[in-house]
PDB file of all heavy atoms in Angstrom:
ATOM      1  N   TYR A   1     -11.064  43.819  33.254  1.00  0.00           N
ATOM      2  CA  TYR A   1     -12.040  44.868  33.492  1.00  0.00           C
ATOM      3  C   TYR A   1     -12.401  44.901  34.948  1.00  0.00           C
ATOM      4  O   TYR A   1     -12.271  43.900  35.680  1.00  0.00           O
ATOM      5  CB  TYR A   1     -13.306  44.697  32.627  1.00  0.00           C
ATOM      6  CG  TYR A   1     -14.123  43.486  32.959  1.00  0.00           C
ATOM      7  CD1 TYR A   1     -15.149  43.537  33.909  1.00  0.00           C
ATOM      8  CD2 TYR A   1     -13.885  42.244  32.300  1.00  0.00           C
ATOM      9  CE1 TYR A   1     -15.913  42.414  34.201  1.00  0.00           C
ATOM     10  CE2 TYR A   1     -14.642  41.164  32.594  1.00  0.00           C
ATOM     11  CZ  TYR A   1     -15.635  41.244  33.562  1.00  0.00           C
ATOM     12  OH  TYR A   1     -16.394  40.129  33.836  1.00  0.00           O
ATOM     13  N   LYS A   2     -12.847  46.047  35.363  1.00  0.00           N
ATOM     14  CA  LYS A   2     -13.292  46.247  36.764  1.00  0.00           C
ATOM     15  C   LYS A   2     -14.649  46.853  36.758  1.00  0.00           C
ATOM     16  O   LYS A   2     -14.890  47.840  36.054  1.00  0.00           O
ATOM     17  CB  LYS A   2     -12.276  47.136  37.516  1.00  0.00           C
ATOM     18  CG  LYS A   2     -12.660  47.375  38.968  1.00  0.00           C
ATOM     19  CD  LYS A   2     -11.649  48.305  39.672  1.00  0.00           C
ATOM     20  CE  LYS A   2     -12.036  48.579  41.093  1.00  0.00           C
ATOM     21  NZ  LYS A   2     -11.114  49.545  41.760  1.00  0.00           N
ATOM     22  N   ILE A   3     -15.533  46.287  37.571  1.00  0.00           N
ATOM     23  CA  ILE A   3     -16.894  46.820  37.666  1.00  0.00           C
ATOM     24  C   ILE A   3     -17.039  47.709  38.878  1.00  0.00           C
ATOM     25  O   ILE A   3     -16.730  47.249  39.980  1.00  0.00           O
ATOM     26  CB  ILE A   3     -17.957  45.668  37.714  1.00  0.00           C
ATOM     27  CG1 ILE A   3     -17.862  44.822  36.446  1.00  0.00           C
ATOM     28  CG2 ILE A   3     -19.349  46.186  37.923  1.00  0.00           C
ATOM     29  CD1 ILE A   3     -18.717  43.576  36.505  1.00  0.00           C
ATOM     30  N   ASN A   4     -17.440  48.882  38.683  1.00  0.00           N
ATOM     31  CA  ASN A   4     -17.706  49.787  39.805  1.00  0.00           C
ATOM     32  C   ASN A   4     -19.197  50.003  39.953  1.00  0.00           C
ATOM     33  O   ASN A   4     -19.834  50.689  39.153  1.00  0.00           O
ATOM     34  CB  ASN A   4     -16.998  51.164  39.519  1.00  0.00           C
ATOM     35  CG  ASN A   4     -15.516  51.027  39.336  1.00  0.00           C
ATOM     36  OD1 ASN A   4     -14.814  50.373  40.081  1.00  0.00           O
ATOM     37  ND2 ASN A   4     -15.014  51.647  38.261  1.00  0.00           N
ATOM     38  N   LEU A   5     -19.780  49.335  40.963  1.00  0.00           N
ATOM     39  CA  LEU A   5     -21.213  49.423  41.204  1.00  0.00           C
ATOM     40  C   LEU A   5     -21.579  50.761  41.728  1.00  0.00           C
ATOM     41  O   LEU A   5     -21.008  51.228  42.699  1.00  0.00           O
ATOM     42  CB  LEU A   5     -21.647  48.310  42.132  1.00  0.00           C
ATOM     43  CG  LEU A   5     -21.478  46.875  41.628  1.00  0.00           C
ATOM     44  CD1 LEU A   5     -21.856  45.893  42.720  1.00  0.00           C
ATOM     45  CD2 LEU A   5     -22.333  46.599  40.371  1.00  0.00           C
ATOM     46  N   LYS A   6     -22.573  51.400  41.122  1.00  0.00           N
ATOM     47  CA  LYS A   6     -23.013  52.706  41.602  1.00  0.00           C
ATOM     48  C   LYS A   6     -24.331  52.629  42.331  1.00  0.00           C
ATOM     49  O   LYS A   6     -24.628  53.424  43.218  1.00  0.00           O
ATOM     50  CB  LYS A   6     -23.157  53.652  40.391  1.00  0.00           C
ATOM     51  CG  LYS A   6     -21.894  53.871  39.613  1.00  0.00           C
ATOM     52  CD  LYS A   6     -20.850  54.583  40.442  1.00  0.00           C
ATOM     53  CE  LYS A   6     -19.590  54.870  39.646  1.00  0.00           C
ATOM     54  NZ  LYS A   6     -18.543  55.592  40.434  1.00  0.00           N
ATOM     55  N   LYS A   7     -25.144  51.624  41.964  1.00  0.00           N
ATOM     56  CA  LYS A   7     -26.413  51.367  42.611  1.00  0.00           C
ATOM     57  C   LYS A   7     -26.521  49.892  42.875  1.00  0.00           C
ATOM     58  O   LYS A   7     -26.452  49.051  42.001  1.00  0.00           O
ATOM     59  CB  LYS A   7     -27.576  51.816  41.740  1.00  0.00           C
ATOM     60  CG  LYS A   7     -27.544  53.277  41.288  1.00  0.00           C
ATOM     61  CD  LYS A   7     -28.072  54.235  42.364  1.00  0.00           C
ATOM     62  CE  LYS A   7     -28.172  55.616  41.847  1.00  0.00           C
ATOM     63  NZ  LYS A   7     -28.679  56.584  42.876  1.00  0.00           N
ATOM     64  N   ILE A   8     -26.778  49.526  44.137  1.00  0.00           N
ATOM     65  CA  ILE A   8     -26.979  48.118  44.477  1.00  0.00           C
ATOM     66  C   ILE A   8     -27.836  48.013  45.718  1.00  0.00           C
ATOM     67  O   ILE A   8     -27.752  48.855  46.636  1.00  0.00           O
ATOM     68  CB  ILE A   8     -25.604  47.393  44.654  1.00  0.00           C
ATOM     69  CG1 ILE A   8     -25.782  45.880  44.489  1.00  0.00           C
ATOM     70  CG2 ILE A   8     -24.959  47.743  45.944  1.00  0.00           C
ATOM     71  CD1 ILE A   8     -26.103  45.450  43.115  1.00  0.00           C
ATOM     72  N   ASN A   9     -28.682  46.944  45.738  1.00  0.00           N
ATOM     73  CA  ASN A   9     -29.595  46.750  46.877  1.00  0.00           C
ATOM     74  C   ASN A   9     -30.435  47.990  47.198  1.00  0.00           C
ATOM     75  O   ASN A   9     -30.613  48.386  48.353  1.00  0.00           O
ATOM     76  CB  ASN A   9     -28.837  46.312  48.130  1.00  0.00           C
ATOM     77  CG  ASN A   9     -28.176  44.946  47.947  1.00  0.00           C
ATOM     78  OD1 ASN A   9     -28.663  44.112  47.210  1.00  0.00           O
ATOM     79  ND2 ASN A   9     -27.038  44.752  48.588  1.00  0.00           N
ATOM     80  N   GLN A  10     -30.954  48.543  46.131  1.00  0.00           N
ATOM     81  CA  GLN A  10     -31.818  49.749  46.318  1.00  0.00           C
ATOM     82  C   GLN A  10     -32.705  49.961  45.096  1.00  0.00           C
ATOM     83  O   GLN A  10     -32.531  49.387  44.030  1.00  0.00           O
ATOM     84  CB  GLN A  10     -30.969  50.987  46.519  1.00  0.00           C
ATOM     85  CG  GLN A  10     -30.085  51.376  45.332  1.00  0.00           C
ATOM     86  CD  GLN A  10     -29.181  52.535  45.613  1.00  0.00           C
ATOM     87  OE1 GLN A  10     -27.985  52.342  45.900  1.00  0.00           O
ATOM     88  NE2 GLN A  10     -29.719  53.737  45.564  1.00  0.00           N
ATOM     89  N   THR A  11     -33.718  50.795  45.246  1.00  0.00           N
ATOM     90  CA  THR A  11     -34.622  51.149  44.172  1.00  0.00           C
ATOM     91  C   THR A  11     -33.980  52.198  43.277  1.00  0.00           C
ATOM     92  O   THR A  11     -33.350  53.107  43.751  1.00  0.00           O
ATOM     93  CB  THR A  11     -35.959  51.653  44.741  1.00  0.00           C
ATOM     94  OG1 THR A  11     -36.542  50.632  45.548  1.00  0.00           O
ATOM     95  CG2 THR A  11     -36.913  52.024  43.598  1.00  0.00           C
ATOM     96  N   VAL A  12     -34.095  51.976  41.974  1.00  0.00           N
ATOM     97  CA  VAL A  12     -33.528  52.911  41.019  1.00  0.00           C
ATOM     98  C   VAL A  12     -34.613  53.367  40.018  1.00  0.00           C
ATOM     99  O   VAL A  12     -35.657  52.755  39.849  1.00  0.00           O
ATOM    100  CB  VAL A  12     -32.361  52.306  40.219  1.00  0.00           C
ATOM    101  CG1 VAL A  12     -31.225  51.892  41.147  1.00  0.00           C
ATOM    102  CG2 VAL A  12     -32.824  51.130  39.419  1.00  0.00           C
ATOM    103  N   LYS A  13     -34.305  54.444  39.365  1.00  0.00           N
ATOM    104  CA  LYS A  13     -35.166  54.946  38.269  1.00  0.00           C
ATOM    105  C   LYS A  13     -34.559  54.593  36.897  1.00  0.00           C
ATOM    106  O   LYS A  13     -33.349  54.466  36.803  1.00  0.00           O
ATOM    107  CB  LYS A  13     -35.351  56.451  38.366  1.00  0.00           C
ATOM    108  CG  LYS A  13     -36.230  56.903  39.532  1.00  0.00           C
ATOM    109  CD  LYS A  13     -37.659  56.460  39.354  1.00  0.00           C
ATOM    110  CE  LYS A  13     -38.554  56.961  40.462  1.00  0.00           C
ATOM    111  NZ  LYS A  13     -39.971  56.497  40.292  1.00  0.00           N
ATOM    112  N   GLN A  14     -35.383  54.449  35.941  1.00  0.00           N
ATOM    113  CA  GLN A  14     -34.942  54.171  34.578  1.00  0.00           C
ATOM    114  C   GLN A  14     -33.946  55.247  34.145  1.00  0.00           C
ATOM    115  O   GLN A  14     -34.165  56.449  34.307  1.00  0.00           O
ATOM    116  CB  GLN A  14     -36.149  54.173  33.660  1.00  0.00           C
ATOM    117  CG  GLN A  14     -35.884  53.654  32.273  1.00  0.00           C
ATOM    118  CD  GLN A  14     -37.221  53.469  31.534  1.00  0.00           C
ATOM    119  OE1 GLN A  14     -37.941  54.419  31.297  1.00  0.00           O
ATOM    120  NE2 GLN A  14     -37.547  52.223  31.213  1.00  0.00           N
ATOM    121  N   GLY A  15     -32.798  54.820  33.636  1.00  0.00           N
ATOM    122  CA  GLY A  15     -31.791  55.740  33.172  1.00  0.00           C
ATOM    123  C   GLY A  15     -30.756  56.094  34.218  1.00  0.00           C
ATOM    124  O   GLY A  15     -29.750  56.714  33.922  1.00  0.00           O
ATOM    125  N   ASP A  16     -30.940  55.660  35.468  1.00  0.00           N
ATOM    126  CA  ASP A  16     -29.960  55.836  36.506  1.00  0.00           C
ATOM    127  C   ASP A  16     -28.688  55.037  36.167  1.00  0.00           C
ATOM    128  O   ASP A  16     -28.744  53.940  35.587  1.00  0.00           O
ATOM    129  CB  ASP A  16     -30.466  55.372  37.854  1.00  0.00           C
ATOM    130  CG  ASP A  16     -31.404  56.365  38.522  1.00  0.00           C
ATOM    131  OD1 ASP A  16     -31.582  57.438  37.976  1.00  0.00           O
ATOM    132  OD2 ASP A  16     -31.961  56.009  39.585  1.00  0.00           O
ATOM    133  N   LEU A  17     -27.541  55.562  36.571  1.00  0.00           N
ATOM    134  CA  LEU A  17     -26.260  54.869  36.332  1.00  0.00           C
ATOM    135  C   LEU A  17     -26.179  53.668  37.293  1.00  0.00           C
ATOM    136  O   LEU A  17     -26.132  53.845  38.539  1.00  0.00           O
ATOM    137  CB  LEU A  17     -25.092  55.808  36.551  1.00  0.00           C
ATOM    138  CG  LEU A  17     -23.674  55.213  36.432  1.00  0.00           C
ATOM    139  CD1 LEU A  17     -23.474  54.612  35.047  1.00  0.00           C
ATOM    140  CD2 LEU A  17     -22.638  56.256  36.733  1.00  0.00           C
ATOM    141  N   LEU A  18     -26.185  52.438  36.766  1.00  0.00           N
ATOM    142  CA  LEU A  18     -26.093  51.244  37.550  1.00  0.00           C
ATOM    143  C   LEU A  18     -24.658  50.887  37.915  1.00  0.00           C
ATOM    144  O   LEU A  18     -24.335  50.621  39.092  1.00  0.00           O
ATOM    145  CB  LEU A  18     -26.733  50.049  36.845  1.00  0.00           C
ATOM    146  CG  LEU A  18     -28.269  50.051  36.685  1.00  0.00           C
ATOM    147  CD1 LEU A  18     -28.685  48.771  35.986  1.00  0.00           C
ATOM    148  CD2 LEU A  18     -28.934  50.171  38.045  1.00  0.00           C
ATOM    149  N   PHE A  19     -23.824  50.861  36.908  1.00  0.00           N
ATOM    150  CA  PHE A  19     -22.427  50.528  37.163  1.00  0.00           C
ATOM    151  C   PHE A  19     -21.577  51.093  36.008  1.00  0.00           C
ATOM    152  O   PHE A  19     -22.013  51.407  34.947  1.00  0.00           O
ATOM    153  CB  PHE A  19     -22.196  49.037  37.327  1.00  0.00           C
ATOM    154  CG  PHE A  19     -22.709  48.133  36.187  1.00  0.00           C
ATOM    155  CD1 PHE A  19     -21.886  47.767  35.150  1.00  0.00           C
ATOM    156  CD2 PHE A  19     -24.026  47.661  36.226  1.00  0.00           C
ATOM    157  CE1 PHE A  19     -22.343  46.941  34.124  1.00  0.00           C
ATOM    158  CE2 PHE A  19     -24.489  46.852  35.260  1.00  0.00           C
ATOM    159  CZ  PHE A  19     -23.631  46.497  34.177  1.00  0.00           C
ATOM    160  N   GLU A  20     -20.299  51.140  36.332  1.00  0.00           N
ATOM    161  CA  GLU A  20     -19.270  51.664  35.421  1.00  0.00           C
ATOM    162  C   GLU A  20     -18.288  50.513  35.169  1.00  0.00           C
ATOM    163  O   GLU A  20     -17.873  49.849  36.133  1.00  0.00           O
ATOM    164  CB  GLU A  20     -18.641  52.874  36.056  1.00  0.00           C
ATOM    165  CG  GLU A  20     -17.553  53.580  35.225  1.00  0.00           C
ATOM    166  CD  GLU A  20     -16.964  54.725  36.040  1.00  0.00           C
ATOM    167  OE1 GLU A  20     -16.161  54.421  36.949  1.00  0.00           O
ATOM    168  OE2 GLU A  20     -17.311  55.861  35.808  1.00  0.00           O
ATOM    169  N   ILE A  21     -17.877  50.355  33.909  1.00  0.00           N
ATOM    170  CA  ILE A  21     -16.904  49.317  33.574  1.00  0.00           C
ATOM    171  C   ILE A  21     -15.615  49.962  33.152  1.00  0.00           C
ATOM    172  O   ILE A  21     -15.590  50.779  32.212  1.00  0.00           O
ATOM    173  CB  ILE A  21     -17.426  48.398  32.455  1.00  0.00           C
ATOM    174  CG1 ILE A  21     -18.865  47.944  32.735  1.00  0.00           C
ATOM    175  CG2 ILE A  21     -16.519  47.204  32.303  1.00  0.00           C
ATOM    176  CD1 ILE A  21     -19.506  47.288  31.571  1.00  0.00           C
ATOM    177  N   ASP A  22     -14.565  49.637  33.823  1.00  0.00           N
ATOM    178  CA  ASP A  22     -13.226  50.169  33.547  1.00  0.00           C
ATOM    179  C   ASP A  22     -12.437  49.095  32.846  1.00  0.00           C
ATOM    180  O   ASP A  22     -12.082  48.057  33.439  1.00  0.00           O
ATOM    181  CB  ASP A  22     -12.518  50.572  34.858  1.00  0.00           C
ATOM    182  CG  ASP A  22     -11.293  51.409  34.610  1.00  0.00           C
ATOM    183  OD1 ASP A  22     -10.933  51.620  33.479  1.00  0.00           O
ATOM    184  OD2 ASP A  22     -10.648  51.846  35.596  1.00  0.00           O
ATOM    185  N   PHE A  23     -12.097  49.264  31.557  1.00  0.00           N
ATOM    186  CA  PHE A  23     -11.473  48.265  30.744  1.00  0.00           C
ATOM    187  C   PHE A  23      -9.982  48.511  30.571  1.00  0.00           C
ATOM    188  O   PHE A  23      -9.518  49.676  30.540  1.00  0.00           O
ATOM    189  CB  PHE A  23     -12.069  48.222  29.318  1.00  0.00           C
ATOM    190  CG  PHE A  23     -13.489  47.660  29.302  1.00  0.00           C
ATOM    191  CD1 PHE A  23     -14.552  48.514  29.158  1.00  0.00           C
ATOM    192  CD2 PHE A  23     -13.676  46.327  29.340  1.00  0.00           C
ATOM    193  CE1 PHE A  23     -15.844  47.994  29.120  1.00  0.00           C
ATOM    194  CE2 PHE A  23     -14.989  45.803  29.302  1.00  0.00           C
ATOM    195  CZ  PHE A  23     -16.048  46.641  29.171  1.00  0.00           C
ATOM    196  N   GLU A  24      -9.269  47.423  30.394  1.00  0.00           N
ATOM    197  CA  GLU A  24      -7.863  47.489  29.986  1.00  0.00           C
ATOM    198  C   GLU A  24      -7.735  46.831  28.625  1.00  0.00           C
ATOM    199  O   GLU A  24      -8.160  45.656  28.487  1.00  0.00           O
ATOM    200  CB  GLU A  24      -6.947  46.770  31.002  1.00  0.00           C
ATOM    201  CG  GLU A  24      -5.499  46.722  30.618  1.00  0.00           C
ATOM    202  CD  GLU A  24      -4.644  45.948  31.611  1.00  0.00           C
ATOM    203  OE1 GLU A  24      -5.002  45.977  32.801  1.00  0.00           O
ATOM    204  OE2 GLU A  24      -3.675  45.335  31.186  1.00  0.00           O
TER     205      GLU A  24
END
């Protein structure tokens, strides 16, 4: 699997996309 971080080292709101997981 590969983790694609969408939000890091920043303030986020509830429900924001944090990361995406790409599976094989």
